[in-house]
Amino acid sequence: MTIMFNKNPLSPPDGEPRNERVRFHGLNAGYPGRPVLHQLSAGVPALAVTALVGPNGSGKSTLLGVLAGVIAATSGQVRYAEGPPPAFVPQRGAVGDTLPLTARQTVEMGRWGERGLWRWPTRQDRTVVDSAMERLGVAHLGARQLGELSGGQRQRVLIAQGLAQQSDLLLLDEPTTGLDPEARERITALLTALVADGTTIVQATHDLEAARSADTCLLLSDGRLVADGPPAEVLSPQSLSRIWQPT
């Protein structure tokens, strides 16, 4: 797979500027003996929320992992506009409740890529962590064990960890799954505010309400792109009926 970091706006073949933060073409990925993504081609608009939508097993998390650089594609091309590497926030379940981590220590993990695992936090690191926790409204939870937090609090701590990486591209895996309606609404409002502050967000979700609040959607089914565009068009009853079977 080819990964390219560009210093100029991504452009289509005709040379007209395209305001995209990421573009991928002919993307194939999966695991030994189990291909997941099949010839995906699409773009991620800058300064917007893009929702990767689809049922379980559709390839949402795999695509997010490829964009984050934690899963290697077998072929295809990913091109990034100028900017720092993406910040990746995994599902809440990926961080074990049994780990003896406080909320602040969890956010501080977002600085490891900048300073390394074994170096003490610098004054700059502490300032960045403080700012991220205040931005997400979790500064008062700093001394609490991660496993003691509610689902919504824990999710905000993990997003703060992503912000601590100081990237303008934030990749979130199921940020609202398992949360109550109030917590989901709060996370959605936070994401909208982050975009207004200059962040591009990609979230994998099967929460249709969260997807409808996004600026654009990529609808996946069996590792293939079914539709791409505004939520009102992509999440139409006709499109959804093609990939979600009634239970």
C-alpha atoms as a PDB file:
ATOM      1  CA  MET A   1       0.000   0.000   0.000  1.00  0.00           C
ATOM      2  CA  THR A   2       1.113   3.545  -0.704  1.00  0.00           C
ATOM      3  CA  ILE A   3       0.764   6.230   1.987  1.00  0.00           C
ATOM      4  CA  MET A   4       1.411   9.810   0.916  1.00  0.00           C
ATOM      5  CA  PHE A   5       1.584  12.955   3.037  1.00  0.00           C
ATOM      6  CA  ASN A   6       0.971  15.940   0.755  1.00  0.00           C
ATOM      7  CA  LYS A   7       1.925  19.576   1.164  1.00  0.00           C
ATOM      8  CA  ASN A   8      -0.780  20.677  -1.259  1.00  0.00           C
ATOM      9  CA  PRO A   9      -4.572  20.218  -1.330  1.00  0.00           C
ATOM     10  CA  LEU A  10      -5.631  16.813  -2.589  1.00  0.00           C
ATOM     11  CA  SER A  11      -6.755  17.079  -6.182  1.00  0.00           C
ATOM     12  CA  PRO A  12      -8.849  14.886  -8.476  1.00  0.00           C
ATOM     13  CA  PRO A  13      -7.418  13.779 -11.829  1.00  0.00           C
ATOM     14  CA  ASP A  14      -8.688  16.908 -13.600  1.00  0.00           C
ATOM     15  CA  GLY A  15      -6.552  19.047 -11.307  1.00  0.00           C
ATOM     16  CA  GLU A  16      -9.361  20.999  -9.628  1.00  0.00           C
ATOM     17  CA  PRO A  17      -8.677  21.615  -5.905  1.00  0.00           C
ATOM     18  CA  ARG A  18     -10.528  19.367  -3.497  1.00  0.00           C
ATOM     19  CA  ASN A  19     -10.885  20.315   0.153  1.00  0.00           C
ATOM     20  CA  GLU A  20     -10.147  16.879   1.577  1.00  0.00           C
ATOM     21  CA  ARG A  21      -8.045  15.791   4.531  1.00  0.00           C
ATOM     22  CA  VAL A  22      -7.708  12.183   3.358  1.00  0.00           C
ATOM     23  CA  ARG A  23      -8.358  10.317   0.121  1.00  0.00           C
ATOM     24  CA  PHE A  24      -8.049   6.578  -0.413  1.00  0.00           C
ATOM     25  CA  HIS A  25      -8.243   4.658  -3.660  1.00  0.00           C
ATOM     26  CA  GLY A  26      -8.527   0.964  -4.472  1.00  0.00           C
ATOM     27  CA  LEU A  27      -8.123   0.058  -0.813  1.00  0.00           C
ATOM     28  CA  ASN A  28      -8.028  -3.630   0.114  1.00  0.00           C
ATOM     29  CA  ALA A  29      -7.374  -4.842   3.657  1.00  0.00           C
ATOM     30  CA  GLY A  30      -8.104  -7.650   6.046  1.00  0.00           C
ATOM     31  CA  TYR A  31      -6.509 -10.367   8.106  1.00  0.00           C
ATOM     32  CA  PRO A  32      -4.711 -13.622   7.215  1.00  0.00           C
ATOM     33  CA  GLY A  33      -7.168 -15.718   5.272  1.00  0.00           C
ATOM     34  CA  ARG A  34      -9.993 -13.200   5.766  1.00  0.00           C
ATOM     35  CA  PRO A  35     -10.217 -10.222   3.406  1.00  0.00           C
ATOM     36  CA  VAL A  36     -12.429  -7.435   4.782  1.00  0.00           C
ATOM     37  CA  LEU A  37     -12.203  -4.327   2.574  1.00  0.00           C
ATOM     38  CA  HIS A  38     -12.646  -4.579  -1.178  1.00  0.00           C
ATOM     39  CA  GLN A  39     -11.549  -1.824  -3.565  1.00  0.00           C
ATOM     40  CA  LEU A  40     -12.698   1.151  -1.463  1.00  0.00           C
ATOM     41  CA  SER A  41     -12.282   4.606  -2.977  1.00  0.00           C
ATOM     42  CA  ALA A  42     -13.552   7.786  -1.317  1.00  0.00           C
ATOM     43  CA  GLY A  43     -12.487  11.047   0.304  1.00  0.00           C
ATOM     44  CA  VAL A  44     -12.753  12.547   3.781  1.00  0.00           C
ATOM     45  CA  PRO A  45     -13.649  16.256   3.632  1.00  0.00           C
ATOM     46  CA  ALA A  46     -11.598  18.598   5.800  1.00  0.00           C
ATOM     47  CA  LEU A  47     -13.176  20.350   8.789  1.00  0.00           C
ATOM     48  CA  ALA A  48     -16.200  18.066   8.876  1.00  0.00           C
ATOM     49  CA  VAL A  49     -17.543  14.983  10.631  1.00  0.00           C
ATOM     50  CA  THR A  50     -17.530  11.891   8.432  1.00  0.00           C
ATOM     51  CA  ALA A  51     -19.437   8.852   9.655  1.00  0.00           C
ATOM     52  CA  LEU A  52     -18.422   5.348   8.572  1.00  0.00           C
ATOM     53  CA  VAL A  53     -21.754   3.547   8.773  1.00  0.00           C
ATOM     54  CA  GLY A  54     -22.759  -0.072   8.427  1.00  0.00           C
ATOM     55  CA  PRO A  55     -23.814  -3.176  10.342  1.00  0.00           C
ATOM     56  CA  ASN A  56     -21.395  -5.243  12.385  1.00  0.00           C
ATOM     57  CA  GLY A  57     -18.832  -6.864  10.109  1.00  0.00           C
ATOM     58  CA  SER A  58     -19.198  -4.281   7.351  1.00  0.00           C
ATOM     59  CA  GLY A  59     -15.571  -3.144   7.624  1.00  0.00           C
ATOM     60  CA  LYS A  60     -15.976   0.144   9.515  1.00  0.00           C
ATOM     61  CA  SER A  61     -13.365  -0.537  12.183  1.00  0.00           C
ATOM     62  CA  THR A  62     -10.951  -2.053   9.673  1.00  0.00           C
ATOM     63  CA  LEU A  63     -11.155   1.036   7.460  1.00  0.00           C
ATOM     64  CA  LEU A  64     -10.650   3.263  10.489  1.00  0.00           C
ATOM     65  CA  GLY A  65      -7.638   1.192  11.519  1.00  0.00           C
ATOM     66  CA  VAL A  66      -6.108   1.523   8.049  1.00  0.00           C
ATOM     67  CA  LEU A  67      -6.591   5.301   8.105  1.00  0.00           C
ATOM     68  CA  ALA A  68      -5.001   5.370  11.581  1.00  0.00           C
ATOM     69  CA  GLY A  69      -2.036   3.318  10.415  1.00  0.00           C
ATOM     70  CA  VAL A  70      -2.616   0.489  12.907  1.00  0.00           C
ATOM     71  CA  ILE A  71      -3.836  -1.965  10.239  1.00  0.00           C
ATOM     72  CA  ALA A  72      -1.819  -2.522   7.084  1.00  0.00           C
ATOM     73  CA  ALA A  73      -3.756  -2.551   3.823  1.00  0.00           C
ATOM     74  CA  THR A  74      -2.883  -5.259   1.326  1.00  0.00           C
ATOM     75  CA  SER A  75      -3.123  -2.878  -1.624  1.00  0.00           C
ATOM     76  CA  GLY A  76      -4.352   0.559  -2.600  1.00  0.00           C
ATOM     77  CA  GLN A  77      -3.357   4.111  -1.801  1.00  0.00           C
ATOM     78  CA  VAL A  78      -4.042   6.482   1.103  1.00  0.00           C
ATOM     79  CA  ARG A  79      -3.177  10.149   0.672  1.00  0.00           C
ATOM     80  CA  TYR A  80      -3.216  12.690   3.501  1.00  0.00           C
ATOM     81  CA  ALA A  81      -3.270  16.447   3.080  1.00  0.00           C
ATOM     82  CA  GLU A  82      -0.630  18.421   4.939  1.00  0.00           C
ATOM     83  CA  GLY A  83      -0.859  18.026   8.691  1.00  0.00           C
ATOM     84  CA  PRO A  84       0.254  15.830  11.589  1.00  0.00           C
ATOM     85  CA  PRO A  85      -0.462  12.086  11.677  1.00  0.00           C
ATOM     86  CA  PRO A  86      -4.010  11.175  12.726  1.00  0.00           C
ATOM     87  CA  ALA A  87      -5.004  10.646  16.348  1.00  0.00           C
ATOM     88  CA  PHE A  88      -6.841   7.374  16.917  1.00  0.00           C
ATOM     89  CA  VAL A  89      -9.350   6.752  19.726  1.00  0.00           C
ATOM     90  CA  PRO A  90     -10.320   3.047  19.958  1.00  0.00           C
ATOM     91  CA  GLN A  91     -13.569   1.674  21.307  1.00  0.00           C
ATOM     92  CA  ARG A  92     -14.055   2.021  25.047  1.00  0.00           C
ATOM     93  CA  GLY A  93     -13.834  -1.755  25.423  1.00  0.00           C
ATOM     94  CA  ALA A  94     -10.312  -1.756  24.007  1.00  0.00           C
ATOM     95  CA  VAL A  95      -9.023  -0.172  27.237  1.00  0.00           C
ATOM     96  CA  GLY A  96      -9.528  -2.680  30.024  1.00  0.00           C
ATOM     97  CA  ASP A  97     -11.394  -1.724  33.184  1.00  0.00           C
ATOM     98  CA  THR A  98      -8.881  -3.702  35.232  1.00  0.00           C
ATOM     99  CA  LEU A  99      -5.892  -1.570  34.243  1.00  0.00           C
ATOM    100  CA  PRO A 100      -4.817   0.586  37.213  1.00  0.00           C
ATOM    101  CA  LEU A 101      -5.012   3.851  35.268  1.00  0.00           C
ATOM    102  CA  THR A 102      -6.438   7.145  36.407  1.00  0.00           C
ATOM    103  CA  ALA A 103      -8.295   9.378  33.986  1.00  0.00           C
ATOM    104  CA  ARG A 104      -5.315  11.716  33.813  1.00  0.00           C
ATOM    105  CA  GLN A 105      -2.850   8.892  33.168  1.00  0.00           C
ATOM    106  CA  THR A 106      -5.102   7.740  30.348  1.00  0.00           C
ATOM    107  CA  VAL A 107      -5.037  11.174  28.737  1.00  0.00           C
ATOM    108  CA  GLU A 108      -1.257  11.396  29.261  1.00  0.00           C
ATOM    109  CA  MET A 109      -0.889   8.295  27.074  1.00  0.00           C
ATOM    110  CA  GLY A 110      -1.757  10.579  24.175  1.00  0.00           C
ATOM    111  CA  ARG A 111       1.650  12.228  24.626  1.00  0.00           C
ATOM    112  CA  TRP A 112       3.656   9.019  24.266  1.00  0.00           C
ATOM    113  CA  GLY A 113       4.098   9.490  20.542  1.00  0.00           C
ATOM    114  CA  GLU A 114       5.601  12.920  21.170  1.00  0.00           C
ATOM    115  CA  ARG A 115       7.909  12.159  24.105  1.00  0.00           C
ATOM    116  CA  GLY A 116       8.253   8.351  24.151  1.00  0.00           C
ATOM    117  CA  LEU A 117       6.966   5.811  26.648  1.00  0.00           C
ATOM    118  CA  TRP A 118       9.632   6.044  29.351  1.00  0.00           C
ATOM    119  CA  ARG A 119      10.341   9.776  29.539  1.00  0.00           C
ATOM    120  CA  TRP A 120       8.792  11.931  32.231  1.00  0.00           C
ATOM    121  CA  PRO A 121       6.103  14.390  31.075  1.00  0.00           C
ATOM    122  CA  THR A 122       7.466  17.838  30.311  1.00  0.00           C
ATOM    123  CA  ARG A 123       5.818  21.116  31.250  1.00  0.00           C
ATOM    124  CA  GLN A 124       4.505  21.265  27.671  1.00  0.00           C
ATOM    125  CA  ASP A 125       3.032  17.771  28.020  1.00  0.00           C
ATOM    126  CA  ARG A 126       1.253  18.752  31.228  1.00  0.00           C
ATOM    127  CA  THR A 127      -0.111  21.903  29.603  1.00  0.00           C
ATOM    128  CA  VAL A 128      -1.440  19.942  26.623  1.00  0.00           C
ATOM    129  CA  VAL A 129      -3.046  17.315  28.882  1.00  0.00           C
ATOM    130  CA  ASP A 130      -4.623  20.002  31.088  1.00  0.00           C
ATOM    131  CA  SER A 131      -6.045  21.750  28.035  1.00  0.00           C
ATOM    132  CA  ALA A 132      -7.461  18.543  26.549  1.00  0.00           C
ATOM    133  CA  MET A 133      -9.134  17.522  29.816  1.00  0.00           C
ATOM    134  CA  GLU A 134     -10.617  20.966  30.336  1.00  0.00           C
ATOM    135  CA  ARG A 135     -11.847  21.004  26.737  1.00  0.00           C
ATOM    136  CA  LEU A 136     -13.695  17.716  27.280  1.00  0.00           C
ATOM    137  CA  GLY A 137     -14.964  18.655  30.737  1.00  0.00           C
ATOM    138  CA  VAL A 138     -13.106  15.870  32.574  1.00  0.00           C
ATOM    139  CA  ALA A 139     -10.438  17.832  34.470  1.00  0.00           C
ATOM    140  CA  HIS A 140     -12.231  17.139  37.760  1.00  0.00           C
ATOM    141  CA  LEU A 141     -11.999  13.385  37.089  1.00  0.00           C
ATOM    142  CA  GLY A 142      -8.204  13.299  36.847  1.00  0.00           C
ATOM    143  CA  ALA A 143      -7.576  11.243  39.986  1.00  0.00           C
ATOM    144  CA  ARG A 144     -10.440   8.788  39.401  1.00  0.00           C
ATOM    145  CA  GLN A 145      -9.716   5.270  38.206  1.00  0.00           C
ATOM    146  CA  LEU A 146     -10.773   4.788  34.595  1.00  0.00           C
ATOM    147  CA  GLY A 147     -12.852   1.736  35.480  1.00  0.00           C
ATOM    148  CA  GLU A 148     -14.867   3.765  37.995  1.00  0.00           C
ATOM    149  CA  LEU A 149     -16.147   6.241  35.416  1.00  0.00           C
ATOM    150  CA  SER A 150     -19.514   6.164  33.706  1.00  0.00           C
ATOM    151  CA  GLY A 151     -19.602   5.274  30.015  1.00  0.00           C
ATOM    152  CA  GLY A 152     -19.977   8.900  28.961  1.00  0.00           C
ATOM    153  CA  GLN A 153     -17.190  10.098  31.260  1.00  0.00           C
ATOM    154  CA  ARG A 154     -14.868   7.374  30.061  1.00  0.00           C
ATOM    155  CA  GLN A 155     -15.563   8.192  26.424  1.00  0.00           C
ATOM    156  CA  ARG A 156     -14.772  11.867  27.008  1.00  0.00           C
ATOM    157  CA  VAL A 157     -11.508  10.867  28.700  1.00  0.00           C
ATOM    158  CA  LEU A 158     -10.558   8.788  25.658  1.00  0.00           C
ATOM    159  CA  ILE A 159     -11.390  11.644  23.290  1.00  0.00           C
ATOM    160  CA  ALA A 160      -9.256  13.902  25.488  1.00  0.00           C
ATOM    161  CA  GLN A 161      -6.439  11.387  24.980  1.00  0.00           C
ATOM    162  CA  GLY A 162      -6.917  11.835  21.252  1.00  0.00           C
ATOM    163  CA  LEU A 163      -6.825  15.624  21.581  1.00  0.00           C
ATOM    164  CA  ALA A 164      -3.598  15.366  23.585  1.00  0.00           C
ATOM    165  CA  GLN A 165      -1.959  13.995  20.429  1.00  0.00           C
ATOM    166  CA  GLN A 166      -2.439  17.463  18.910  1.00  0.00           C
ATOM    167  CA  SER A 167      -3.614  16.277  15.514  1.00  0.00           C
ATOM    168  CA  ASP A 168      -6.170  18.004  13.335  1.00  0.00           C
ATOM    169  CA  LEU A 169      -7.447  14.567  12.212  1.00  0.00           C
ATOM    170  CA  LEU A 170      -9.304  12.607  14.892  1.00  0.00           C
ATOM    171  CA  LEU A 171     -10.396   9.005  14.218  1.00  0.00           C
ATOM    172  CA  LEU A 172     -13.002   7.581  16.603  1.00  0.00           C
ATOM    173  CA  ASP A 173     -14.230   3.981  16.779  1.00  0.00           C
ATOM    174  CA  GLU A 174     -17.852   3.785  17.991  1.00  0.00           C
ATOM    175  CA  PRO A 175     -17.677   6.853  20.267  1.00  0.00           C
ATOM    176  CA  THR A 176     -21.383   6.736  21.246  1.00  0.00           C
ATOM    177  CA  THR A 177     -22.022   2.995  21.397  1.00  0.00           C
ATOM    178  CA  GLY A 178     -23.460   1.844  24.710  1.00  0.00           C
ATOM    179  CA  LEU A 179     -24.092   5.366  26.018  1.00  0.00           C
ATOM    180  CA  ASP A 180     -27.409   6.687  27.271  1.00  0.00           C
ATOM    181  CA  PRO A 181     -29.193   9.324  25.121  1.00  0.00           C
ATOM    182  CA  GLU A 182     -27.919  12.256  27.187  1.00  0.00           C
ATOM    183  CA  ALA A 183     -24.307  11.082  26.950  1.00  0.00           C
ATOM    184  CA  ARG A 184     -24.674  10.460  23.201  1.00  0.00           C
ATOM    185  CA  GLU A 185     -26.001  13.979  22.681  1.00  0.00           C
ATOM    186  CA  ARG A 186     -23.133  15.436  24.699  1.00  0.00           C
ATOM    187  CA  ILE A 187     -20.509  13.554  22.673  1.00  0.00           C
ATOM    188  CA  THR A 188     -22.163  14.645  19.408  1.00  0.00           C
ATOM    189  CA  ALA A 189     -22.141  18.283  20.550  1.00  0.00           C
ATOM    190  CA  LEU A 190     -18.467  17.982  21.525  1.00  0.00           C
ATOM    191  CA  LEU A 191     -17.549  16.637  18.104  1.00  0.00           C
ATOM    192  CA  THR A 192     -19.369  19.513  16.412  1.00  0.00           C
ATOM    193  CA  ALA A 193     -17.452  21.984  18.590  1.00  0.00           C
ATOM    194  CA  LEU A 194     -14.126  20.310  17.757  1.00  0.00           C
ATOM    195  CA  VAL A 195     -14.812  20.683  14.039  1.00  0.00           C
ATOM    196  CA  ALA A 196     -15.572  24.363  14.580  1.00  0.00           C
ATOM    197  CA  ASP A 197     -12.155  24.639  16.256  1.00  0.00           C
ATOM    198  CA  GLY A 198     -10.356  23.163  13.229  1.00  0.00           C
ATOM    199  CA  THR A 199     -10.480  19.382  13.632  1.00  0.00           C
ATOM    200  CA  THR A 200     -11.487  16.862  10.975  1.00  0.00           C
ATOM    201  CA  ILE A 201     -13.320  13.895  12.493  1.00  0.00           C
ATOM    202  CA  VAL A 202     -13.978  10.410  11.188  1.00  0.00           C
ATOM    203  CA  GLN A 203     -16.132   8.167  13.354  1.00  0.00           C
ATOM    204  CA  ALA A 204     -17.060   4.536  12.781  1.00  0.00           C
ATOM    205  CA  THR A 205     -20.581   3.915  14.033  1.00  0.00           C
ATOM    206  CA  HIS A 206     -23.667   1.790  13.643  1.00  0.00           C
ATOM    207  CA  ASP A 207     -25.642   4.402  15.606  1.00  0.00           C
ATOM    208  CA  LEU A 208     -27.858   5.894  12.893  1.00  0.00           C
ATOM    209  CA  GLU A 209     -28.772   8.924  14.999  1.00  0.00           C
ATOM    210  CA  ALA A 210     -25.088   9.775  15.421  1.00  0.00           C
ATOM    211  CA  ALA A 211     -24.529   9.217  11.704  1.00  0.00           C
ATOM    212  CA  ARG A 212     -27.402  11.532  10.766  1.00  0.00           C
ATOM    213  CA  SER A 213     -25.745  14.345  12.712  1.00  0.00           C
ATOM    214  CA  ALA A 214     -22.532  13.974  10.649  1.00  0.00           C
ATOM    215  CA  ASP A 215     -21.698  16.158   7.661  1.00  0.00           C
ATOM    216  CA  THR A 216     -21.103  13.229   5.326  1.00  0.00           C
ATOM    217  CA  CYS A 217     -21.409   9.441   5.435  1.00  0.00           C
ATOM    218  CA  LEU A 218     -19.689   6.451   3.894  1.00  0.00           C
ATOM    219  CA  LEU A 219     -22.094   3.506   3.947  1.00  0.00           C
ATOM    220  CA  LEU A 220     -20.372   0.112   4.003  1.00  0.00           C
ATOM    221  CA  SER A 221     -21.644  -3.408   3.548  1.00  0.00           C
ATOM    222  CA  ASP A 222     -19.490  -6.549   3.444  1.00  0.00           C
ATOM    223  CA  GLY A 223     -16.371  -4.414   3.059  1.00  0.00           C
ATOM    224  CA  ARG A 224     -17.669  -2.540   0.029  1.00  0.00           C
ATOM    225  CA  LEU A 225     -18.771   1.076  -0.366  1.00  0.00           C
ATOM    226  CA  VAL A 226     -22.533   1.195  -0.932  1.00  0.00           C
ATOM    227  CA  ALA A 227     -23.072   4.961  -0.846  1.00  0.00           C
ATOM    228  CA  ASP A 228     -21.140   8.170  -0.161  1.00  0.00           C
ATOM    229  CA  GLY A 229     -22.574  11.626   0.497  1.00  0.00           C
ATOM    230  CA  PRO A 230     -24.833  13.670   2.795  1.00  0.00           C
ATOM    231  CA  PRO A 231     -26.624  11.673   5.518  1.00  0.00           C
ATOM    232  CA  ALA A 232     -30.074  12.546   4.144  1.00  0.00           C
ATOM    233  CA  GLU A 233     -29.168  10.812   0.887  1.00  0.00           C
ATOM    234  CA  VAL A 234     -26.928   8.007   2.113  1.00  0.00           C
ATOM    235  CA  LEU A 235     -29.126   6.947   5.028  1.00  0.00           C
ATOM    236  CA  SER A 236     -32.348   6.749   3.037  1.00  0.00           C
ATOM    237  CA  PRO A 237     -34.749   3.889   3.833  1.00  0.00           C
ATOM    238  CA  GLN A 238     -33.971   2.385   0.421  1.00  0.00           C
ATOM    239  CA  SER A 239     -30.202   2.332   1.042  1.00  0.00           C
ATOM    240  CA  LEU A 240     -30.502   1.011   4.580  1.00  0.00           C
ATOM    241  CA  SER A 241     -32.919  -1.737   3.582  1.00  0.00           C
ATOM    242  CA  ARG A 242     -30.266  -3.097   1.231  1.00  0.00           C
ATOM    243  CA  ILE A 243     -27.798  -3.818   4.022  1.00  0.00           C
ATOM    244  CA  TRP A 244     -29.779  -4.158   7.257  1.00  0.00           C
ATOM    245  CA  GLN A 245     -32.055  -7.151   7.346  1.00  0.00           C
ATOM    246  CA  PRO A 246     -35.111  -6.936   9.637  1.00  0.00           C
ATOM    247  CA  THR A 247     -34.863  -8.946  12.855  1.00  0.00           C
END
